[in-house]
Amino acid sequence: MTDFPGSPDSAARERDAAESASAFAHPAVAPDRTAAYGDHPDQVVDFYAPRDGRTGAPLVVLLHGGAWRSPYDRAHVSPLADFLARRGFAVANVEYRRGGDDIPRQRAGAEPGAGSTGPVAGRWPETFDDVAAALDAMPALASRELPGADVRRIVVSGHSAGGHLALWAAARHVLPEGSPWRLPAPPSLRGVVALAPIADFATAVGLGVCGGAVTQLLGGEAGAVLGGEAGSVLGGDAGSALGGEAVAVERAAHADPGVLLPTGIATAIVHGVEDIVVPPAVSEAYVDAAARSGETVGLTLLGGVGHFPLIDPSADACAVVAEELAQLAW
């Protein structure tokens, strides 16, 4: 499941496989409504109304994971969306454009490395275009499609690569000047709950998370695993960073939550201690970076839990996720 140094033992891999199988065993849950926020087929949002029929329910904007790659879409977190709707939330499950077999390289990026297989991670800039557009359109869309939702109480959440996007969406007001996604003021959010997020690019690249997905997302050499000190990946010599691509370093300044701090937005992270897909060190690095910026980020580490129970309604970890959301939303 992962390529990071100090690869997990067979027992850890077996646990991860079992957790993955459980999370993906749930049938997809059809939404109550679907609305488009753009013209592309992937620019859609599935809406789930609170199952108890309440009005004034806070809205959870959910961003799915899957290493920003096309085989993974919003359907695999629809059981989580339904679980949250049964807990009294209104839910918006966002789709966005992801990398696929039709992208031999990212624009201005390098050819994938010889060891890489499968679709490229992410589309630059389309993945970020879509998340920004979806969040900008969300209050109007949700008011129309879910009249019972309280769009004054929006919490953004996401898992894995979607956790990265959730943190990024809350940091658009601190993007570099001139960024096409920069907001003039903080977004109107009650907070962010990121689930096992790819939250700090330097650490994720150093650990080879998701087969070099970060380097692919940024247009560097696919599958690159950096040696040396991970902390120097994004801030040092472009010739040694992210596959040797100066363009990747430049893009990271617009995409890496670990450098887009402080945000002033209430942020909580939930991460499994046994996660071998996105190791908890990635979240810990983000929390440390936030502290250095003067900001406190809540980090809940769940013992005996890996990557996938956080989105598995049959797992106890999912109840922890719902509680974290409730603490910010209500």
Protein backbone atom coordinates (compact mmCIF):
# COMPACT_ATOMS: atom_id res chain seq x y z
CA MET A 1 0.00 0.00 0.00
CA THR A 2 2.94 2.38 0.50
CA ASP A 3 6.53 3.06 -0.47
CA PHE A 4 7.85 5.00 2.50
CA PRO A 5 11.18 4.09 4.08
CA GLY A 6 11.05 1.48 6.81
CA SER A 7 8.27 -0.37 5.04
CA PRO A 8 5.62 -1.93 7.30
CA ASP A 9 5.71 -5.57 8.24
CA SER A 10 3.30 -8.18 6.91
CA ALA A 11 0.96 -7.82 9.89
CA ALA A 12 0.62 -4.08 9.25
CA ARG A 13 -0.06 -4.71 5.58
CA GLU A 14 -2.66 -7.32 6.39
CA ARG A 15 -4.40 -4.96 8.79
CA ASP A 16 -4.36 -2.21 6.17
CA ALA A 17 -5.81 -4.56 3.55
CA ALA A 18 -8.59 -5.64 5.91
CA GLU A 19 -9.43 -2.05 6.82
CA SER A 20 -9.46 -1.05 3.17
CA ALA A 21 -11.72 -3.97 2.26
CA SER A 22 -14.15 -3.02 5.01
CA ALA A 23 -14.30 0.65 4.01
CA PHE A 24 -14.84 -0.14 0.34
CA ALA A 25 -17.37 -2.93 0.98
CA HIS A 26 -20.22 -0.51 1.64
CA PRO A 27 -22.46 0.09 -1.37
CA ALA A 28 -22.54 3.62 -2.71
CA VAL A 29 -25.38 5.71 -1.30
CA ALA A 30 -27.36 7.77 -3.79
CA PRO A 31 -27.62 11.47 -2.96
CA ASP A 32 -30.82 13.38 -2.45
CA ARG A 33 -29.81 15.98 -5.02
CA THR A 34 -26.91 16.60 -7.40
CA ALA A 35 -25.91 19.99 -8.75
CA ALA A 36 -23.21 21.25 -11.09
CA TYR A 37 -20.77 24.01 -10.21
CA GLY A 38 -19.22 24.04 -13.69
CA ASP A 39 -19.50 22.58 -17.18
CA HIS A 40 -17.13 19.62 -16.85
CA PRO A 41 -18.75 16.25 -15.91
CA ASP A 42 -16.61 16.11 -12.78
CA GLN A 43 -17.71 19.54 -11.58
CA VAL A 44 -20.64 18.30 -9.53
CA VAL A 45 -21.73 18.08 -5.90
CA ASP A 46 -23.92 15.40 -4.34
CA PHE A 47 -26.12 16.66 -1.51
CA TYR A 48 -27.39 14.61 1.42
CA ALA A 49 -30.11 16.04 3.64
CA PRO A 50 -30.07 15.36 7.40
CA ARG A 51 -32.02 12.15 7.85
CA ASP A 52 -34.02 13.43 10.79
CA GLY A 53 -35.51 16.20 8.66
CA ARG A 54 -34.16 18.97 10.86
CA THR A 55 -33.71 22.50 9.57
CA GLY A 56 -30.77 24.72 10.32
CA ALA A 57 -28.34 21.79 10.07
CA PRO A 58 -24.67 22.65 9.66
CA LEU A 59 -23.18 21.79 6.30
CA VAL A 60 -20.20 19.45 5.97
CA VAL A 61 -18.37 19.90 2.67
CA LEU A 62 -16.70 16.55 2.01
CA LEU A 63 -13.66 16.12 -0.26
CA HIS A 64 -12.75 12.54 -1.11
CA GLY A 65 -9.26 11.10 -1.26
CA GLY A 66 -7.51 8.70 -3.60
CA ALA A 67 -4.15 10.41 -4.18
CA TRP A 68 -5.82 12.91 -6.56
CA ARG A 69 -6.07 10.03 -9.09
CA SER A 70 -9.03 9.32 -11.36
CA PRO A 71 -9.87 5.74 -10.30
CA TYR A 72 -11.08 7.13 -6.98
CA ASP A 73 -14.19 9.30 -7.05
CA ARG A 74 -16.76 10.63 -4.61
CA ALA A 75 -18.76 7.37 -4.60
CA HIS A 76 -16.39 5.72 -2.14
CA VAL A 77 -17.14 8.31 0.55
CA SER A 78 -20.89 8.36 -0.08
CA PRO A 79 -21.41 5.90 2.82
CA LEU A 80 -19.60 8.40 5.04
CA ALA A 81 -21.81 11.20 3.70
CA ASP A 82 -24.88 9.13 4.55
CA PHE A 83 -23.45 8.32 8.01
CA LEU A 84 -23.01 12.04 8.70
CA ALA A 85 -26.51 12.81 7.37
CA ARG A 86 -27.86 10.26 9.86
CA ARG A 87 -25.98 12.19 12.56
CA GLY A 88 -27.91 15.36 11.70
CA PHE A 89 -25.54 17.05 9.28
CA ALA A 90 -26.29 18.32 5.81
CA VAL A 91 -23.53 17.04 3.54
CA ALA A 92 -22.10 18.20 0.23
CA ASN A 93 -19.92 15.51 -1.39
CA VAL A 94 -17.74 17.29 -3.95
CA GLU A 95 -16.29 15.83 -7.12
CA TYR A 96 -13.31 17.43 -8.82
CA ARG A 97 -10.98 16.72 -11.71
CA ARG A 98 -8.21 14.26 -10.98
CA GLY A 99 -5.23 12.82 -12.79
CA GLY A 100 -5.74 9.94 -15.20
CA ASP A 101 -4.14 7.83 -17.89
CA ASP A 102 -4.76 10.65 -20.38
CA ILE A 103 -2.05 12.79 -18.75
CA PRO A 104 1.42 11.55 -19.71
CA ARG A 105 2.92 14.48 -17.84
CA GLN A 106 1.74 17.51 -15.92
CA ARG A 107 2.04 20.78 -17.78
CA ALA A 108 5.62 22.02 -17.57
CA GLY A 109 6.49 18.88 -15.62
CA ALA A 110 8.75 15.93 -16.28
CA GLU A 111 8.02 12.54 -17.74
CA PRO A 112 6.93 9.99 -15.14
CA GLY A 113 9.81 8.00 -13.73
CA ALA A 114 10.53 4.54 -15.00
CA GLY A 115 9.16 2.95 -11.84
CA SER A 116 5.78 4.69 -11.93
CA THR A 117 2.60 2.93 -12.98
CA GLY A 118 -1.04 3.90 -13.16
CA PRO A 119 -2.65 7.29 -13.56
CA VAL A 120 -0.85 10.49 -12.72
CA ALA A 121 -1.88 12.20 -9.48
CA GLY A 122 -3.90 15.34 -9.94
CA ARG A 123 -4.40 17.86 -12.73
CA TRP A 124 -2.61 21.16 -12.53
CA PRO A 125 -4.28 23.59 -12.25
CA GLU A 126 -7.70 21.96 -12.74
CA THR A 127 -7.85 20.11 -9.41
CA PHE A 128 -7.36 23.39 -7.55
CA ASP A 129 -9.60 25.32 -9.94
CA ASP A 130 -12.41 22.91 -9.14
CA VAL A 131 -12.07 22.90 -5.37
CA ALA A 132 -11.94 26.70 -5.32
CA ALA A 133 -14.97 26.95 -7.63
CA ALA A 134 -16.96 24.40 -5.64
CA LEU A 135 -16.33 26.18 -2.34
CA ASP A 136 -17.12 29.58 -3.84
CA ALA A 137 -20.40 28.27 -5.24
CA MET A 138 -21.33 26.23 -2.18
CA PRO A 139 -23.48 28.70 -0.20
CA ALA A 140 -25.75 29.37 -3.18
CA LEU A 141 -25.85 25.74 -4.32
CA ALA A 142 -26.60 24.39 -0.86
CA SER A 143 -29.26 27.01 -0.20
CA ARG A 144 -31.00 25.94 -3.38
CA GLU A 145 -30.57 22.17 -3.12
CA LEU A 146 -30.80 21.75 0.67
CA PRO A 147 -33.00 24.53 2.02
CA GLY A 148 -32.68 23.05 5.50
CA ALA A 149 -28.91 23.54 5.60
CA ASP A 150 -27.42 26.46 7.49
CA VAL A 151 -24.77 27.79 5.11
CA ARG A 152 -23.52 30.10 7.86
CA ARG A 153 -22.13 26.97 9.55
CA ILE A 154 -19.91 25.22 7.03
CA VAL A 155 -17.19 22.80 8.05
CA VAL A 156 -14.87 21.44 5.37
CA SER A 157 -13.61 17.90 5.74
CA GLY A 158 -11.64 15.51 3.58
CA HIS A 159 -9.73 12.26 3.73
CA SER A 160 -6.14 11.69 2.64
CA ALA A 161 -5.65 13.72 -0.57
CA GLY A 162 -9.07 15.19 0.16
CA GLY A 163 -7.76 16.19 3.58
CA HIS A 164 -5.02 18.10 1.79
CA LEU A 165 -7.64 19.85 -0.31
CA ALA A 166 -9.74 20.68 2.77
CA LEU A 167 -6.76 22.32 4.48
CA TRP A 168 -5.88 24.13 1.26
CA ALA A 169 -9.44 25.41 0.82
CA ALA A 170 -9.26 27.01 4.25
CA ALA A 171 -5.94 28.69 3.44
CA ARG A 172 -6.77 30.46 0.20
CA HIS A 173 -6.57 33.89 1.83
CA VAL A 174 -2.89 33.29 2.66
CA LEU A 175 -1.92 32.11 -0.81
CA PRO A 176 0.86 34.11 -2.47
CA GLU A 177 -0.09 37.39 -4.05
CA GLY A 178 -1.14 36.84 -7.64
CA SER A 179 -2.42 33.31 -7.07
CA PRO A 180 -5.59 32.77 -9.11
CA TRP A 181 -7.20 31.06 -6.11
CA ARG A 182 -6.35 33.69 -3.49
CA LEU A 183 -9.25 35.13 -1.51
CA PRO A 184 -9.15 38.72 -0.20
CA ALA A 185 -10.38 37.58 3.22
CA PRO A 186 -10.67 34.32 5.16
CA PRO A 187 -13.38 32.00 3.85
CA SER A 188 -16.63 31.86 5.82
CA LEU A 189 -16.01 28.51 7.49
CA ARG A 190 -16.63 27.27 11.00
CA GLY A 191 -13.56 25.12 10.62
CA VAL A 192 -11.77 22.19 9.02
CA VAL A 193 -11.61 18.55 10.07
CA ALA A 194 -8.89 16.81 8.05
CA LEU A 195 -8.75 13.01 8.12
CA ALA A 196 -5.30 11.45 7.64
CA PRO A 197 -4.44 14.37 5.35
CA ILE A 198 -1.45 14.77 3.06
CA ALA A 199 -0.91 17.93 5.05
CA ASP A 200 2.79 18.65 4.72
CA PHE A 201 4.36 18.13 1.32
CA ALA A 202 7.98 18.02 2.47
CA THR A 203 7.29 15.17 4.86
CA ALA A 204 5.01 13.35 2.44
CA VAL A 205 7.61 13.48 -0.34
CA GLY A 206 10.33 12.36 2.03
CA LEU A 207 8.22 9.33 2.96
CA GLY A 208 7.19 8.54 -0.61
CA VAL A 209 3.51 8.77 0.27
CA CYS A 210 1.15 7.24 -2.30
CA GLY A 211 3.86 6.38 -4.79
CA GLY A 212 5.17 9.89 -5.29
CA ALA A 213 1.72 11.44 -5.68
CA VAL A 214 2.83 14.83 -4.41
CA THR A 215 5.62 15.15 -6.97
CA GLN A 216 3.18 14.16 -9.71
CA LEU A 217 0.57 16.65 -8.50
CA LEU A 218 3.14 19.44 -8.68
CA GLY A 219 4.55 18.39 -12.04
CA GLY A 220 7.79 16.87 -10.82
CA GLU A 221 9.17 13.45 -11.62
CA ALA A 222 6.52 10.87 -10.78
CA GLY A 223 7.36 8.41 -8.05
CA ALA A 224 10.41 10.32 -6.84
CA VAL A 225 11.41 9.56 -3.28
CA LEU A 226 13.76 12.13 -1.86
CA GLY A 227 16.76 11.28 0.21
CA GLY A 228 18.24 13.44 2.90
CA GLU A 229 16.40 15.79 5.17
CA ALA A 230 12.74 16.08 4.25
CA GLY A 231 12.54 19.53 5.78
CA SER A 232 14.75 20.94 3.02
CA VAL A 233 12.62 19.64 0.16
CA LEU A 234 10.53 22.70 -0.55
CA GLY A 235 12.71 25.51 0.62
CA GLY A 236 16.15 24.64 -0.73
CA ASP A 237 17.84 24.29 -4.07
CA ALA A 238 15.29 23.69 -6.82
CA GLY A 239 17.73 21.34 -8.48
CA SER A 240 17.35 18.82 -5.64
CA ALA A 241 13.71 19.36 -4.80
CA LEU A 242 10.69 17.39 -5.95
CA GLY A 243 12.32 15.59 -8.82
CA GLY A 244 14.64 18.51 -9.65
CA GLU A 245 11.81 20.62 -11.03
CA ALA A 246 11.93 24.33 -10.21
CA VAL A 247 8.33 24.54 -11.39
CA ALA A 248 7.30 22.06 -8.70
CA VAL A 249 8.87 24.20 -5.99
CA GLU A 250 7.05 27.24 -7.31
CA ARG A 251 3.75 25.36 -7.42
CA ALA A 252 4.22 24.04 -3.91
CA ALA A 253 4.06 27.60 -2.59
CA HIS A 254 0.50 27.70 -3.94
CA ALA A 255 -0.54 24.19 -2.92
CA ASP A 256 1.23 22.96 0.23
CA PRO A 257 -0.83 23.46 3.41
CA GLY A 258 2.35 23.13 5.43
CA VAL A 259 3.54 26.51 4.18
CA LEU A 260 0.14 28.24 4.05
CA LEU A 261 0.06 29.18 7.71
CA PRO A 262 -1.34 30.60 9.88
CA THR A 263 -4.91 30.52 8.56
CA GLY A 264 -6.90 31.73 11.54
CA ILE A 265 -9.44 28.99 10.77
CA ALA A 266 -10.22 26.44 13.50
CA THR A 267 -8.56 23.21 12.37
CA ALA A 268 -8.64 19.67 13.72
CA ILE A 269 -6.88 16.60 12.36
CA VAL A 270 -7.80 12.97 13.01
CA HIS A 271 -5.16 10.38 12.16
CA GLY A 272 -4.70 6.69 12.84
CA VAL A 273 -1.51 5.72 14.64
CA GLU A 274 -1.25 2.58 12.49
CA ASP A 275 -1.70 4.39 9.17
CA ILE A 276 0.81 3.02 6.63
CA VAL A 277 -0.68 4.88 3.66
CA VAL A 278 -0.22 8.42 4.98
CA PRO A 279 1.88 7.99 8.13
CA PRO A 280 0.89 10.19 11.09
CA ALA A 281 4.27 11.93 10.82
CA VAL A 282 2.76 13.89 7.91
CA SER A 283 0.06 15.38 10.14
CA GLU A 284 2.48 15.88 12.99
CA ALA A 285 4.72 17.94 10.70
CA TYR A 286 1.76 20.15 9.78
CA VAL A 287 0.81 20.63 13.42
CA ASP A 288 4.42 21.57 14.22
CA ALA A 289 4.51 24.05 11.33
CA ALA A 290 1.27 25.59 12.55
CA ALA A 291 2.72 25.95 16.05
CA ARG A 292 5.77 27.72 14.66
CA SER A 293 3.42 30.15 12.93
CA GLY A 294 1.65 30.83 16.23
CA GLU A 295 -1.41 28.70 15.51
CA THR A 296 -2.77 25.71 17.43
CA VAL A 297 -4.13 22.78 15.43
CA GLY A 298 -5.91 19.98 17.23
CA LEU A 299 -4.50 16.52 16.52
CA THR A 300 -6.36 13.37 17.57
CA LEU A 301 -4.27 10.22 17.15
CA LEU A 302 -6.32 7.01 17.26
CA GLY A 303 -4.51 3.95 18.50
CA GLY A 304 -5.01 0.69 16.65
CA VAL A 305 -6.43 2.55 13.64
CA GLY A 306 -5.03 2.76 10.13
CA HIS A 307 -5.92 4.85 7.10
CA PHE A 308 -9.38 3.68 6.10
CA PRO A 309 -11.47 3.35 9.30
CA LEU A 310 -11.84 7.15 9.31
CA ILE A 311 -14.23 6.86 6.34
CA ASP A 312 -15.75 3.48 7.29
CA PRO A 313 -19.21 3.86 8.89
CA SER A 314 -18.86 0.43 10.49
CA ALA A 315 -15.68 1.47 12.34
CA ASP A 316 -15.59 3.18 15.72
CA ALA A 317 -13.22 5.80 14.27
CA CYS A 318 -16.06 7.21 12.20
CA ALA A 319 -17.90 8.22 15.36
CA VAL A 320 -14.80 10.15 16.43
CA VAL A 321 -14.86 11.97 13.09
CA ALA A 322 -18.52 12.89 13.57
CA GLU A 323 -17.77 14.22 17.05
CA GLU A 324 -14.91 16.38 15.79
CA LEU A 325 -17.20 17.82 13.14
CA ALA A 326 -19.92 18.47 15.70
CA GLN A 327 -17.54 20.34 17.97
CA LEU A 328 -16.79 22.84 15.22
CA ALA A 329 -20.23 22.98 13.63
CA TRP A 330 -22.50 23.40 16.66
